[in-house]
Amino acid sequence: MGIWLIILLLFLAVYRLVSIYLDKKIADNPFGLKNATLVYIDDKHAKTLVSHKYKICAKPDFIYQDKRGEILVERKMAKRKPILADIVQVKASIICARTKYKKVTRAVISTGSGNYHYIFNQSTNELFEDILMYHKICQAIYRGIERNDTWKTISNSIK
């Protein structure tokens, strides 16, 4: 009789641990965002988010809201990790989203290989400066800077 009681208690303990683990892992949406409410979706009725100050606009795929603020979500169909262009796009989307949703500091880039969570605590101006820097680097490369040149050469050429 005592062995069955021990087995039952072990089973209940394992069951409880598994349920706690799954409760932490299971989210209300496919992006791993728990207790988040959808507040924006890019569909045919969605308004484009515009930042007149920085003269950019964006239509992020989704914006969710939880107790800590808003989370911007961009979906990419490719089975790869996010690339720099994806991150720059998210930064531009955050700038535009902040015109309506003031607490956007988190983002998820969802690709075929998983959900990648990012935190952007920079000010809107700092995010825009990052975008400008990437743009200047791309312009410098387009103008013909050789691949073998160092980043120092590239950064000196865009100042």
Foldseek 3Di string as FASTA:
>chain_A
DVVVVVVVVVVVVVVVVVVVVVVQQDAPDQQRDHQKAWDAADDPPGDWQADPVLGDIHRFHTWIAHPQFIETEHEDAAQDDDDPVVVLNVLRHQLRVCVPTVRYFKYWYQYPNHIDIDGHPDDNVVSSVVNVVVVLLVVLVVVPDDPPDDVVVSVVVSD
